[in-house]
Amino acid sequence: MAGKKLITKKGWWLIPVLLLLVAINWAASNWHARVDLTDEKRFTLSEPTKKLLRKLDAPVKIDVLLKGDYPSGFRKLAEASKDILSECKEIAGNKLQFRFLSPDEQVEGSTSTYADTVNAMGFFPINLTSQVKAGQQQQFVYPVALLHYKDQTIPIELYKGKTPLISFQELNSAEAMLEYQFAKAIDAVTRKEMPIVAYATGNGEPMGYNTYDLVENALKPNFRFFSFDLLNQPFIPEDFSALIMVKPSLSFTDEEKLKLDQYVMRGGKLLLFIDRLNAEMDSLQQKNEVVAYERDLKLNDLIFRYGARINPDLLMDLQCDYLPFDVNGNGQFELLPWNYFPVFESASNHPINKNLGFVSGQFVNTIDTTEAEGIRKTVLLRSSVNARKIGAPALISGRENVTAPESEKFRTANLIAGVLLEGKFNSFFANRLSKAMNDSLQAYDYGFIPKCVEDNKMVIVGDGDILLNAVVKGNQPIAMGMNPFTFGSQREFPFANREFLLNTLEYLVNNNGLAEAKSKDYVARLLDSKKVETEKIKWQIINIAVPVLLLICFALLFQWMRKRKYSKP
């Protein structure tokens, strides 16, 4: 009886301990705290992404099609996707659900598979051959996720590569872009109102089949699209978030330039894709030669005022696309590099070209930046280190490729082909506005603005063909930038011209701040193979023997302390 009282008396502390444990568990289930120890903050979402997730008004469900026995690179991509989505779920709570599925699984309530679904959306698998214990296996990998929100379903491309040649750098870049890809998709489906993007006409801009990919696949699915006649309309509406001008061929009047200028002063965004020289593939194919001459668009002074100059020359680059040539004159054509079709490799120096693939151009003009007070310039497209430029008038002949280009002539590096201008632009018409121009502005209740009130942005590219698509047999338009002569062949390459445009528009017109998520960089920390080989035994001993020795030492210390405490005096 006395023993029971003693236990009861000494066991009173169990009650507060149990209550404390219950309180700790309850608090842990409601509040979470994490510490991200990675240098790149891989597991820390950017503030714009967090803000977007907190504003979700309906559940978002994401199906990631990366479940399967894939090679290590794609397993790592799947794990990285899971980590990012888990972080998103911590912020969004029950408003965000995700799961990993195999592309071969059937869609609920349907006889088709998820692979069929993404194929119908225009996403095709990577045909991957990997090494396993039993030998080689061939797999179709779909690095795609499907986002479901209310009655919408949109695809999210998690990896941009299209060939079986998977590189570690590409997968590392794909991991760095995961937060941005998921956040951009969520922003697209939850956005209340899409920005208006207009396509300028009235000065000979193309409007045929060669604009199909630009209008139908790039602009209409992502923005409210308008075609705008700059020549005949009195002013550019402020509702237009951006105005795209592609390859004009007719001169601009002062009245048109005033419309463009005041649109910029009021905060409108300009995207100018200009061919200063007239050089067309049609003429080259018909006569096997063409003379490139200046179009005289009368836009040079306006662009110069804003901080750039499109030069009357052509960029030639050893890093270029291919064209078919009759080398031997016997009617048998051979694909050869064509230096007038440069291929631009992304410098990844800005969210617009971050982790961007190659962009192809045709008869590109170089650009110089000019002195403009308060204007920041960022080069978006530049040549390789093996380039040159030739001035106008320039004779372009198909016979140039009969012999290999002389490498010593291609010694100029980083010729500029595309530039981003940011800052408070000064009006081209400041101190030169005529009374007639001023009256035209007053007639529509617009006062003249000599300088941007707030910072503005514009992009200038010395090539209009970057946004145009070719048309193959049967009037079938293909993707912008894709070479029609390699289309469907082993040399076919998916250029990133469309992604360049969409990234540019995303940066110019969307104020969601998601560019912060896109600017993340993941540093690839590879093991030194030589060091691994020489220090292999040492680290094996440290990792295996040291923990065992520490455990033995702890056991001996514990036994000694126990004997000392309970041994009789």
Protein backbone atom coordinates (compact mmCIF):
# COMPACT_ATOMS: atom_id res chain seq x y z
CA MET A 1 0.00 0.00 0.00
CA ALA A 2 2.82 2.36 0.89
CA GLY A 3 4.53 1.48 -2.44
CA LYS A 4 1.41 2.41 -4.42
CA LYS A 5 1.15 5.78 -2.63
CA LEU A 6 4.82 6.43 -3.37
CA ILE A 7 4.35 5.73 -7.09
CA THR A 8 1.24 7.93 -7.20
CA LYS A 9 3.04 10.69 -5.39
CA LYS A 10 6.09 10.51 -7.64
CA GLY A 11 4.08 10.09 -10.89
CA TRP A 12 2.22 13.39 -10.71
CA TRP A 13 4.56 14.87 -13.35
CA LEU A 14 3.18 12.54 -16.07
CA ILE A 15 -0.01 14.60 -16.40
CA PRO A 16 1.61 17.95 -17.37
CA VAL A 17 4.09 16.11 -19.64
CA LEU A 18 1.24 14.41 -21.53
CA LEU A 19 -0.63 17.72 -21.80
CA LEU A 20 2.53 19.40 -23.09
CA LEU A 21 3.03 16.71 -25.75
CA VAL A 22 -0.58 17.05 -26.89
CA ALA A 23 -0.17 20.84 -27.13
CA ILE A 24 3.06 20.51 -29.11
CA ASN A 25 1.48 18.07 -31.57
CA TRP A 26 -1.56 20.33 -32.01
CA ALA A 27 0.66 23.36 -32.64
CA ALA A 28 2.85 21.41 -35.07
CA SER A 29 -0.21 20.37 -37.08
CA ASN A 30 -1.33 23.99 -37.46
CA TRP A 31 1.94 25.93 -37.79
CA HIS A 32 4.97 24.92 -39.80
CA ALA A 33 8.45 26.37 -39.92
CA ARG A 34 11.15 25.37 -42.38
CA VAL A 35 14.73 26.41 -42.86
CA ASP A 36 16.10 26.34 -46.43
CA LEU A 37 19.86 25.75 -46.17
CA THR A 38 20.54 25.58 -49.93
CA ASP A 39 22.54 28.43 -51.49
CA GLU A 40 20.00 28.86 -54.32
CA LYS A 41 17.00 28.69 -51.93
CA ARG A 42 15.61 25.78 -53.92
CA PHE A 43 12.84 25.13 -51.43
CA THR A 44 11.84 28.77 -50.87
CA LEU A 45 9.06 30.12 -53.07
CA SER A 46 9.30 33.69 -54.33
CA GLU A 47 6.91 36.23 -52.85
CA PRO A 48 4.90 36.70 -56.10
CA THR A 49 4.29 32.93 -56.21
CA LYS A 50 3.15 32.91 -52.58
CA LYS A 51 0.81 35.84 -53.24
CA LEU A 52 -0.66 34.02 -56.23
CA LEU A 53 -1.25 30.83 -54.23
CA ARG A 54 -2.90 32.69 -51.34
CA LYS A 55 -5.43 34.25 -53.73
CA LEU A 56 -6.77 30.95 -55.12
CA ASP A 57 -10.56 31.04 -55.05
CA ALA A 58 -11.15 27.45 -56.22
CA PRO A 59 -9.21 24.18 -56.07
CA VAL A 60 -6.34 23.65 -58.49
CA LYS A 61 -5.45 20.05 -59.32
CA ILE A 62 -2.17 19.13 -61.00
CA ASP A 63 -1.41 15.75 -62.59
CA VAL A 64 2.31 15.18 -63.24
CA LEU A 65 2.98 12.47 -65.83
CA LEU A 66 6.38 11.41 -64.48
CA LYS A 67 5.46 8.24 -62.63
CA GLY A 68 7.49 5.29 -63.87
CA ASP A 69 10.85 3.55 -63.95
CA TYR A 70 12.69 6.33 -65.75
CA PRO A 71 16.44 7.08 -65.92
CA SER A 72 17.94 8.99 -63.00
CA GLY A 73 17.66 12.40 -64.70
CA PHE A 74 13.88 12.24 -65.05
CA ARG A 75 13.48 10.64 -61.61
CA LYS A 76 15.34 13.64 -60.25
CA LEU A 77 13.04 15.97 -62.22
CA ALA A 78 10.02 14.16 -60.76
CA GLU A 79 11.40 14.53 -57.21
CA ALA A 80 12.09 18.22 -57.80
CA SER A 81 8.52 18.65 -59.08
CA LYS A 82 7.20 16.95 -55.96
CA ASP A 83 9.29 19.24 -53.73
CA ILE A 84 8.07 22.41 -55.45
CA LEU A 85 4.43 21.31 -55.41
CA SER A 86 4.71 20.36 -51.74
CA GLU A 87 5.98 23.86 -50.98
CA CYS A 88 3.07 25.31 -53.00
CA LYS A 89 0.62 23.17 -51.05
CA GLU A 90 2.05 24.49 -47.77
CA ILE A 91 0.93 27.97 -48.89
CA ALA A 92 -2.31 27.12 -50.72
CA GLY A 93 -3.53 24.40 -48.35
CA ASN A 94 -6.47 22.36 -49.65
CA LYS A 95 -6.81 24.72 -52.62
CA LEU A 96 -3.96 22.85 -54.34
CA GLN A 97 -3.85 19.10 -54.91
CA PHE A 98 -1.32 17.14 -56.96
CA ARG A 99 -0.55 13.56 -57.89
CA PHE A 100 1.91 11.67 -60.07
CA LEU A 101 0.52 9.47 -62.83
CA SER A 102 1.86 7.17 -65.51
CA PRO A 103 1.13 8.32 -69.08
CA ASP A 104 -0.24 4.81 -69.77
CA GLU A 105 -2.98 5.15 -67.14
CA GLN A 106 -6.52 5.65 -68.37
CA VAL A 107 -8.26 8.98 -67.83
CA GLU A 108 -11.13 8.67 -65.38
CA GLY A 109 -14.39 8.01 -67.20
CA SER A 110 -12.66 7.54 -70.56
CA THR A 111 -11.06 4.82 -72.66
CA SER A 112 -8.12 7.05 -73.65
CA THR A 113 -4.87 7.36 -71.72
CA TYR A 114 -3.16 10.46 -70.40
CA ALA A 115 -0.62 10.03 -73.19
CA ASP A 116 -3.45 10.37 -75.73
CA THR A 117 -4.62 13.53 -73.96
CA VAL A 118 -1.28 15.33 -74.08
CA ASN A 119 -0.68 14.16 -77.66
CA ALA A 120 -3.97 15.81 -78.64
CA MET A 121 -2.70 19.02 -77.00
CA GLY A 122 0.37 19.01 -79.23
CA PHE A 123 2.90 17.58 -76.75
CA PHE A 124 4.74 14.54 -78.00
CA PRO A 125 7.00 12.22 -76.01
CA ILE A 126 10.76 11.94 -75.90
CA ASN A 127 11.78 8.58 -77.34
CA LEU A 128 14.37 7.61 -74.77
CA THR A 129 16.72 4.62 -74.83
CA SER A 130 18.15 3.81 -71.41
CA GLN A 131 20.43 1.13 -69.97
CA VAL A 132 18.96 -1.31 -67.42
CA LYS A 133 20.19 -4.57 -65.88
CA ALA A 134 18.46 -6.65 -68.51
CA GLY A 135 19.97 -4.59 -71.32
CA GLN A 136 18.54 -1.58 -73.12
CA GLN A 137 14.95 -0.41 -72.86
CA GLN A 138 13.05 2.08 -74.97
CA GLN A 139 10.64 4.43 -73.24
CA PHE A 140 8.36 7.27 -74.16
CA VAL A 141 8.77 10.01 -71.56
CA TYR A 142 6.16 12.75 -71.17
CA PRO A 143 7.69 15.53 -69.03
CA VAL A 144 4.32 17.27 -68.88
CA ALA A 145 1.81 18.17 -66.16
CA LEU A 146 -1.91 18.82 -66.59
CA LEU A 147 -3.43 21.65 -64.54
CA HIS A 148 -7.18 21.52 -63.85
CA TYR A 149 -9.03 24.60 -62.63
CA LYS A 150 -12.82 24.84 -62.71
CA ASP A 151 -13.67 23.83 -66.30
CA GLN A 152 -10.20 24.49 -67.72
CA THR A 153 -7.34 22.07 -68.37
CA ILE A 154 -4.00 23.33 -69.61
CA PRO A 155 -0.66 21.55 -70.13
CA ILE A 156 2.57 22.55 -68.38
CA GLU A 157 5.80 21.62 -70.15
CA LEU A 158 8.35 20.69 -67.50
CA TYR A 159 11.26 19.98 -69.85
CA LYS A 160 11.89 21.76 -73.15
CA GLY A 161 14.21 19.21 -74.81
CA LYS A 162 12.81 17.24 -77.74
CA THR A 163 15.63 14.86 -78.61
CA PRO A 164 16.90 11.63 -76.98
CA LEU A 165 20.20 13.42 -76.27
CA ILE A 166 19.39 14.41 -72.69
CA SER A 167 22.03 16.58 -71.04
CA PHE A 168 22.55 17.18 -67.33
CA GLN A 169 22.59 20.94 -67.95
CA GLU A 170 19.16 20.85 -69.64
CA LEU A 171 17.64 18.87 -66.78
CA ASN A 172 19.22 21.21 -64.23
CA SER A 173 17.74 24.20 -66.07
CA ALA A 174 14.36 22.48 -66.16
CA GLU A 175 14.48 22.04 -62.38
CA ALA A 176 15.31 25.73 -61.91
CA MET A 177 12.25 26.66 -64.02
CA LEU A 178 9.72 24.44 -62.21
CA GLU A 179 8.38 27.10 -59.84
CA TYR A 180 7.96 29.56 -62.70
CA GLN A 181 6.24 27.00 -64.96
CA PHE A 182 3.70 26.01 -62.29
CA ALA A 183 3.11 29.61 -61.16
CA LYS A 184 2.71 30.88 -64.72
CA ALA A 185 0.11 28.20 -65.47
CA ILE A 186 -1.84 28.98 -62.29
CA ASP A 187 -1.72 32.69 -63.11
CA ALA A 188 -2.99 32.01 -66.65
CA VAL A 189 -6.10 30.09 -65.52
CA THR A 190 -6.95 32.32 -62.54
CA ARG A 191 -6.40 35.68 -64.25
CA LYS A 192 -9.65 37.67 -64.30
CA GLU A 193 -8.88 39.62 -67.44
CA MET A 194 -6.26 38.95 -70.11
CA PRO A 195 -4.13 41.85 -71.41
CA ILE A 196 -4.85 43.21 -74.88
CA VAL A 197 -2.06 42.77 -77.44
CA ALA A 198 -2.43 44.43 -80.85
CA TYR A 199 -0.78 43.62 -84.17
CA ALA A 200 0.07 46.75 -86.19
CA THR A 201 -0.97 46.97 -89.84
CA GLY A 202 -1.06 49.74 -92.44
CA ASN A 203 2.62 49.76 -93.44
CA GLY A 204 2.93 46.55 -95.42
CA GLU A 205 3.12 44.17 -92.46
CA PRO A 206 2.49 40.50 -93.42
CA MET A 207 -1.07 39.24 -92.84
CA GLY A 208 -1.14 35.89 -94.65
CA TYR A 209 -0.40 32.26 -93.84
CA ASN A 210 3.04 33.23 -92.55
CA THR A 211 1.46 34.87 -89.47
CA TYR A 212 -0.66 31.83 -88.53
CA ASP A 213 1.57 30.55 -85.71
CA LEU A 214 2.04 34.06 -84.34
CA VAL A 215 -1.67 34.86 -84.20
CA GLU A 216 -3.34 31.48 -83.60
CA ASN A 217 -0.79 29.69 -81.40
CA ALA A 218 1.01 32.51 -79.59
CA LEU A 219 -1.25 35.56 -79.22
CA LYS A 220 -4.87 34.38 -79.21
CA PRO A 221 -4.51 31.62 -76.57
CA ASN A 222 -2.66 33.92 -74.15
CA PHE A 223 -4.02 37.43 -74.75
CA ARG A 224 -6.96 39.34 -76.12
CA PHE A 225 -5.87 39.94 -79.69
CA PHE A 226 -6.61 42.91 -81.98
CA SER A 227 -5.41 43.91 -85.41
CA PHE A 228 -4.77 47.66 -85.47
CA ASP A 229 -4.46 49.87 -88.57
CA LEU A 230 -1.87 52.42 -87.54
CA LEU A 231 -2.20 54.40 -90.78
CA ASN A 232 -5.93 55.08 -90.64
CA GLN A 233 -6.77 55.06 -86.93
CA PRO A 234 -6.40 58.46 -85.18
CA PHE A 235 -4.54 57.16 -82.09
CA ILE A 236 -3.46 53.96 -80.35
CA PRO A 237 -5.88 53.14 -77.49
CA GLU A 238 -4.46 53.11 -73.99
CA ASP A 239 -6.26 49.79 -73.42
CA PHE A 240 -3.63 48.10 -75.57
CA SER A 241 -1.06 46.63 -73.21
CA ALA A 242 1.38 46.09 -76.08
CA LEU A 243 1.65 46.80 -79.80
CA ILE A 244 3.63 44.38 -81.97
CA MET A 245 5.06 45.59 -85.26
CA VAL A 246 6.40 42.85 -87.55
CA LYS A 247 8.39 43.46 -90.71
CA PRO A 248 6.83 46.67 -92.09
CA SER A 249 7.79 47.39 -95.69
CA LEU A 250 6.30 50.88 -96.31
CA SER A 251 7.53 54.21 -94.99
CA PHE A 252 5.99 55.71 -91.86
CA THR A 253 4.52 59.20 -91.89
CA ASP A 254 5.18 61.76 -89.16
CA GLU A 255 1.57 61.32 -88.02
CA GLU A 256 2.10 57.58 -87.54
CA LYS A 257 5.33 58.18 -85.64
CA LEU A 258 3.51 60.66 -83.40
CA LYS A 259 0.91 57.98 -82.58
CA LEU A 260 3.67 55.52 -81.68
CA ASP A 261 5.58 58.12 -79.69
CA GLN A 262 2.63 59.27 -77.57
CA TYR A 263 1.54 55.66 -77.02
CA VAL A 264 4.96 55.02 -75.49
CA MET A 265 4.80 58.22 -73.44
CA ARG A 266 1.45 57.09 -71.97
CA GLY A 267 2.95 53.75 -70.90
CA GLY A 268 2.25 51.54 -73.93
CA LYS A 269 4.72 48.75 -74.66
CA LEU A 270 6.27 48.44 -78.14
CA LEU A 271 7.73 45.29 -79.70
CA LEU A 272 9.47 46.21 -82.95
CA PHE A 273 10.64 43.39 -85.21
CA ILE A 274 12.12 45.39 -88.08
CA ASP A 275 13.87 44.43 -91.31
CA ARG A 276 15.72 47.58 -92.35
CA LEU A 277 17.00 45.86 -95.49
CA ASN A 278 14.84 44.25 -98.16
CA ALA A 279 16.17 40.70 -98.60
CA GLU A 280 13.66 37.94 -99.32
CA MET A 281 13.99 34.19 -99.78
CA ASP A 282 11.52 34.20 -102.71
CA SER A 283 13.89 36.27 -104.84
CA LEU A 284 16.86 34.13 -103.85
CA GLN A 285 15.05 30.91 -104.82
CA GLN A 286 13.92 32.27 -108.18
CA LYS A 287 17.18 33.89 -109.34
CA ASN A 288 19.71 32.26 -106.99
CA GLU A 289 20.77 35.74 -105.95
CA VAL A 290 19.28 38.88 -104.46
CA VAL A 291 20.48 42.39 -103.73
CA ALA A 292 19.69 43.53 -100.19
CA TYR A 293 18.82 47.25 -100.19
CA GLU A 294 17.40 49.66 -97.63
CA ARG A 295 13.62 49.91 -97.24
CA ASP A 296 13.69 53.56 -96.05
CA LEU A 297 11.04 53.02 -93.38
CA LYS A 298 11.79 56.43 -91.84
CA LEU A 299 11.71 54.91 -88.35
CA ASN A 300 15.42 55.27 -87.63
CA ASP A 301 15.17 58.71 -85.98
CA LEU A 302 12.35 57.58 -83.66
CA ILE A 303 14.18 54.44 -82.53
CA PHE A 304 17.43 56.39 -82.17
CA ARG A 305 15.72 58.79 -79.75
CA TYR A 306 14.74 55.86 -77.52
CA GLY A 307 18.28 54.45 -77.32
CA ALA A 308 18.93 52.07 -80.24
CA ARG A 309 19.78 52.03 -83.93
CA ILE A 310 19.02 49.30 -86.45
CA ASN A 311 21.95 49.24 -88.87
CA PRO A 312 21.67 48.92 -92.69
CA ASP A 313 23.65 45.68 -92.78
CA LEU A 314 23.28 41.91 -92.61
CA LEU A 315 24.60 39.66 -89.86
CA MET A 316 26.44 36.54 -91.02
CA ASP A 317 27.30 33.80 -88.53
CA LEU A 318 29.03 30.43 -88.66
CA GLN A 319 26.43 29.29 -86.11
CA CYS A 320 23.53 29.10 -88.53
CA ASP A 321 20.65 27.10 -89.99
CA TYR A 322 20.66 25.00 -93.17
CA LEU A 323 19.40 25.49 -96.74
CA PRO A 324 19.45 23.11 -99.74
CA PHE A 325 22.02 23.92 -102.46
CA ASP A 326 22.78 22.36 -105.84
CA VAL A 327 26.51 22.10 -105.20
CA ASN A 328 27.51 20.11 -108.30
CA GLY A 329 24.97 21.65 -110.67
CA ASN A 330 23.34 18.28 -111.41
CA GLY A 331 20.02 18.94 -109.70
CA GLN A 332 20.91 16.98 -106.55
CA PHE A 333 20.46 19.30 -103.58
CA GLU A 334 22.47 19.09 -100.38
CA LEU A 335 21.72 20.77 -97.04
CA LEU A 336 24.52 23.21 -96.19
CA PRO A 337 24.96 25.89 -93.54
CA TRP A 338 23.58 29.26 -94.69
CA ASN A 339 25.39 32.07 -92.86
CA TYR A 340 22.61 34.60 -93.49
CA PHE A 341 20.29 32.55 -91.24
CA PRO A 342 22.02 32.98 -87.84
CA VAL A 343 21.03 30.87 -84.83
CA PHE A 344 21.12 32.77 -81.53
CA GLU A 345 22.08 31.00 -78.34
CA SER A 346 20.56 32.40 -75.15
CA ALA A 347 22.91 34.21 -72.79
CA SER A 348 20.37 33.66 -69.96
CA ASN A 349 21.13 37.17 -68.70
CA HIS A 350 17.49 38.20 -68.25
CA PRO A 351 14.11 36.58 -67.42
CA ILE A 352 13.13 36.95 -71.10
CA ASN A 353 15.88 34.64 -72.35
CA LYS A 354 16.43 32.63 -69.17
CA ASN A 355 16.85 28.94 -70.02
CA LEU A 356 15.65 29.69 -73.56
CA GLY A 357 16.50 27.41 -76.47
CA PHE A 358 18.02 28.51 -79.76
CA VAL A 359 16.28 31.29 -81.73
CA SER A 360 16.61 31.34 -85.51
CA GLY A 361 16.70 34.42 -87.71
CA GLN A 362 16.71 35.23 -91.42
CA PHE A 363 18.63 38.12 -93.02
CA VAL A 364 19.12 39.81 -89.64
CA ASN A 365 20.20 43.45 -89.19
CA THR A 366 22.59 44.30 -86.38
CA ILE A 367 21.68 46.81 -83.65
CA ASP A 368 23.75 49.44 -81.85
CA THR A 369 22.73 51.01 -78.58
CA THR A 370 22.86 54.81 -78.48
CA GLU A 371 23.13 57.41 -75.77
CA ALA A 372 19.73 58.04 -74.16
CA GLU A 373 19.48 59.62 -70.74
CA GLY A 374 18.12 57.29 -68.06
CA ILE A 375 17.55 54.33 -70.42
CA ARG A 376 18.86 50.88 -69.41
CA LYS A 377 19.79 48.51 -72.22
CA THR A 378 19.85 44.72 -71.97
CA VAL A 379 21.02 42.63 -74.91
CA LEU A 380 18.60 39.73 -75.51
CA LEU A 381 19.88 38.30 -78.80
CA ARG A 382 23.49 38.33 -79.94
CA SER A 383 25.64 36.46 -82.44
CA SER A 384 28.20 33.79 -81.66
CA VAL A 385 31.89 34.64 -81.44
CA ASN A 386 32.32 33.71 -85.12
CA ALA A 387 30.28 36.36 -86.93
CA ARG A 388 30.62 39.27 -89.32
CA LYS A 389 28.41 41.89 -90.95
CA ILE A 390 28.18 43.20 -94.49
CA GLY A 391 26.78 46.59 -95.43
CA ALA A 392 24.06 47.50 -97.92
CA PRO A 393 23.65 47.21 -100.80
CA ALA A 394 24.74 43.59 -100.45
CA LEU A 395 24.70 40.94 -103.15
CA ILE A 396 23.52 37.62 -101.70
CA SER A 397 24.17 34.67 -103.97
CA GLY A 398 23.40 30.99 -103.59
CA ARG A 399 26.75 30.30 -105.23
CA GLU A 400 28.46 31.46 -102.02
CA ASN A 401 27.94 28.01 -100.52
CA VAL A 402 29.73 26.18 -103.34
CA THR A 403 32.86 26.67 -101.27
CA ALA A 404 33.16 26.68 -97.50
CA PRO A 405 33.14 30.15 -95.88
CA GLU A 406 36.51 31.64 -95.03
CA SER A 407 36.67 31.33 -91.25
CA GLU A 408 39.13 34.22 -90.86
CA LYS A 409 36.42 36.63 -92.03
CA PHE A 410 34.14 35.58 -89.15
CA ARG A 411 36.09 37.08 -86.28
CA THR A 412 33.53 39.48 -84.75
CA ALA A 413 31.85 38.35 -81.55
CA ASN A 414 28.51 39.19 -79.93
CA LEU A 415 26.92 41.35 -82.60
CA ILE A 416 23.61 42.59 -81.18
CA ALA A 417 20.36 41.50 -82.86
CA GLY A 418 17.79 42.18 -80.11
CA VAL A 419 17.75 44.62 -77.19
CA LEU A 420 15.45 45.54 -74.29
CA LEU A 421 15.15 49.25 -73.43
CA GLU A 422 13.82 50.33 -70.02
CA GLY A 423 13.37 53.71 -68.38
CA LYS A 424 11.61 57.05 -68.83
CA PHE A 425 11.73 57.66 -72.57
CA ASN A 426 11.90 61.19 -73.95
CA SER A 427 9.49 62.05 -76.75
CA PHE A 428 10.94 62.27 -80.23
CA PHE A 429 8.63 65.24 -80.87
CA ALA A 430 9.69 67.30 -77.85
CA ASN A 431 10.57 70.82 -79.10
CA ARG A 432 9.58 69.89 -82.66
CA LEU A 433 5.81 69.37 -82.44
CA SER A 434 4.03 71.26 -85.24
CA LYS A 435 0.75 73.12 -84.70
CA ALA A 436 -1.09 70.64 -86.97
CA MET A 437 0.16 67.70 -84.89
CA ASN A 438 -0.79 69.39 -81.65
CA ASP A 439 -4.26 70.13 -83.02
CA SER A 440 -4.71 66.47 -83.99
CA LEU A 441 -3.96 65.46 -80.40
CA GLN A 442 -6.29 68.07 -78.93
CA ALA A 443 -9.11 66.90 -81.20
CA TYR A 444 -9.18 63.61 -79.30
CA ASP A 445 -8.63 65.16 -75.84
CA TYR A 446 -5.00 64.06 -75.73
CA GLY A 447 -2.46 66.54 -74.51
CA PHE A 448 1.11 66.23 -75.71
CA ILE A 449 3.39 64.32 -73.27
CA PRO A 450 7.11 65.19 -73.65
CA LYS A 451 8.41 62.42 -71.36
CA CYS A 452 7.19 59.17 -69.81
CA VAL A 453 5.70 59.79 -66.38
CA GLU A 454 6.67 56.29 -65.23
CA ASP A 455 9.31 53.78 -66.34
CA ASN A 456 8.38 52.01 -69.56
CA LYS A 457 9.80 49.14 -71.60
CA MET A 458 10.23 48.23 -75.25
CA VAL A 459 11.99 45.51 -77.24
CA ILE A 460 13.69 46.07 -80.59
CA VAL A 461 14.83 43.19 -82.81
CA GLY A 462 16.60 43.58 -86.14
CA ASP A 463 14.62 40.85 -87.87
CA GLY A 464 10.93 40.51 -88.74
CA ASP A 465 11.15 36.90 -89.92
CA ILE A 466 11.77 35.70 -86.35
CA LEU A 467 8.00 35.84 -85.72
CA LEU A 468 6.88 34.49 -89.10
CA ASN A 469 6.27 30.86 -90.02
CA ALA A 470 6.91 28.99 -93.24
CA VAL A 471 4.21 27.11 -95.13
CA VAL A 472 4.87 23.59 -96.42
CA LYS A 473 2.89 21.39 -98.81
CA GLY A 474 -0.84 21.77 -98.74
CA ASN A 475 -0.65 25.29 -97.28
CA GLN A 476 0.27 23.80 -93.90
CA PRO A 477 1.81 26.42 -91.63
CA ILE A 478 4.58 25.20 -89.34
CA ALA A 479 5.96 26.73 -86.14
CA MET A 480 7.64 30.12 -86.36
CA GLY A 481 11.38 29.81 -86.80
CA MET A 482 11.19 26.22 -88.03
CA ASN A 483 13.11 25.50 -91.21
CA PRO A 484 10.74 24.23 -93.96
CA PHE A 485 13.64 22.47 -95.71
CA THR A 486 14.44 20.31 -92.67
CA PHE A 487 10.81 19.91 -91.53
CA GLY A 488 10.01 16.23 -91.05
CA SER A 489 13.63 15.13 -91.51
CA GLN A 490 16.32 14.05 -89.08
CA ARG A 491 17.71 17.59 -89.18
CA GLU A 492 14.45 19.10 -87.91
CA PHE A 493 15.09 21.28 -84.88
CA PRO A 494 12.47 22.96 -82.65
CA PHE A 495 13.63 26.57 -82.35
CA ALA A 496 12.40 28.69 -79.45
CA ASN A 497 11.13 31.71 -81.43
CA ARG A 498 7.61 31.43 -80.02
CA GLU A 499 8.91 31.07 -76.47
CA PHE A 500 11.06 34.17 -76.99
CA LEU A 501 8.00 36.19 -77.99
CA LEU A 502 5.84 34.89 -75.14
CA ASN A 503 8.61 35.49 -72.59
CA THR A 504 8.97 39.03 -73.92
CA LEU A 505 5.25 39.74 -73.64
CA GLU A 506 5.12 38.13 -70.20
CA TYR A 507 7.84 40.49 -69.02
CA LEU A 508 6.41 43.61 -70.67
CA VAL A 509 2.68 43.41 -69.94
CA ASN A 510 2.17 41.19 -66.89
CA ASN A 511 2.74 42.88 -63.55
CA ASN A 512 2.49 39.68 -61.51
CA GLY A 513 6.20 39.69 -60.65
CA LEU A 514 6.70 36.05 -61.70
CA ALA A 515 9.95 37.03 -63.40
CA GLU A 516 11.48 36.73 -59.91
CA ALA A 517 10.69 33.01 -59.92
CA LYS A 518 12.12 32.66 -63.41
CA SER A 519 15.41 34.27 -62.46
CA LYS A 520 16.33 31.42 -60.10
CA ASP A 521 19.58 29.61 -60.87
CA TYR A 522 20.48 26.10 -59.80
CA VAL A 523 24.21 25.48 -59.60
CA ALA A 524 25.20 22.04 -60.81
CA ARG A 525 27.66 20.65 -58.25
CA LEU A 526 29.24 17.66 -59.91
CA LEU A 527 31.62 15.28 -58.17
CA ASP A 528 35.29 15.34 -59.15
CA SER A 529 35.69 11.86 -60.64
CA LYS A 530 39.48 11.80 -60.10
CA LYS A 531 39.13 12.85 -56.47
CA VAL A 532 36.40 10.28 -55.93
CA GLU A 533 38.69 7.54 -57.20
CA THR A 534 41.73 8.54 -55.12
CA GLU A 535 39.86 9.22 -51.85
CA LYS A 536 37.25 6.49 -52.14
CA ILE A 537 38.71 4.22 -49.39
CA LYS A 538 39.21 7.10 -46.97
CA TRP A 539 35.61 8.26 -47.16
CA GLN A 540 34.28 4.71 -46.97
CA ILE A 541 36.20 4.22 -43.69
CA ILE A 542 34.96 7.56 -42.35
CA ASN A 543 31.34 6.82 -43.24
CA ILE A 544 31.34 3.23 -41.95
CA ALA A 545 33.92 2.96 -39.15
CA VAL A 546 33.57 6.35 -37.45
CA PRO A 547 29.83 5.98 -36.60
CA VAL A 548 30.50 2.49 -35.18
CA LEU A 549 33.40 3.76 -33.04
CA LEU A 550 31.31 6.65 -31.75
CA LEU A 551 28.54 4.22 -30.82
CA ILE A 552 30.99 1.96 -28.92
CA CYS A 553 32.47 4.95 -27.08
CA PHE A 554 29.01 6.16 -26.09
CA ALA A 555 28.06 2.65 -24.83
CA LEU A 556 31.25 2.40 -22.73
CA LEU A 557 30.70 5.88 -21.30
CA PHE A 558 27.07 5.09 -20.48
CA GLN A 559 28.05 1.80 -18.77
CA TRP A 560 30.75 3.50 -16.71
CA MET A 561 28.39 6.24 -15.55
CA ARG A 562 25.72 3.68 -14.67
CA LYS A 563 28.17 1.60 -12.58
CA ARG A 564 29.42 4.67 -10.79
CA LYS A 565 25.90 5.77 -9.92
CA TYR A 566 24.51 2.45 -8.67
CA SER A 567 27.57 0.71 -7.24
CA LYS A 568 27.58 0.22 -3.44
CA PRO A 569 29.99 2.35 -1.41
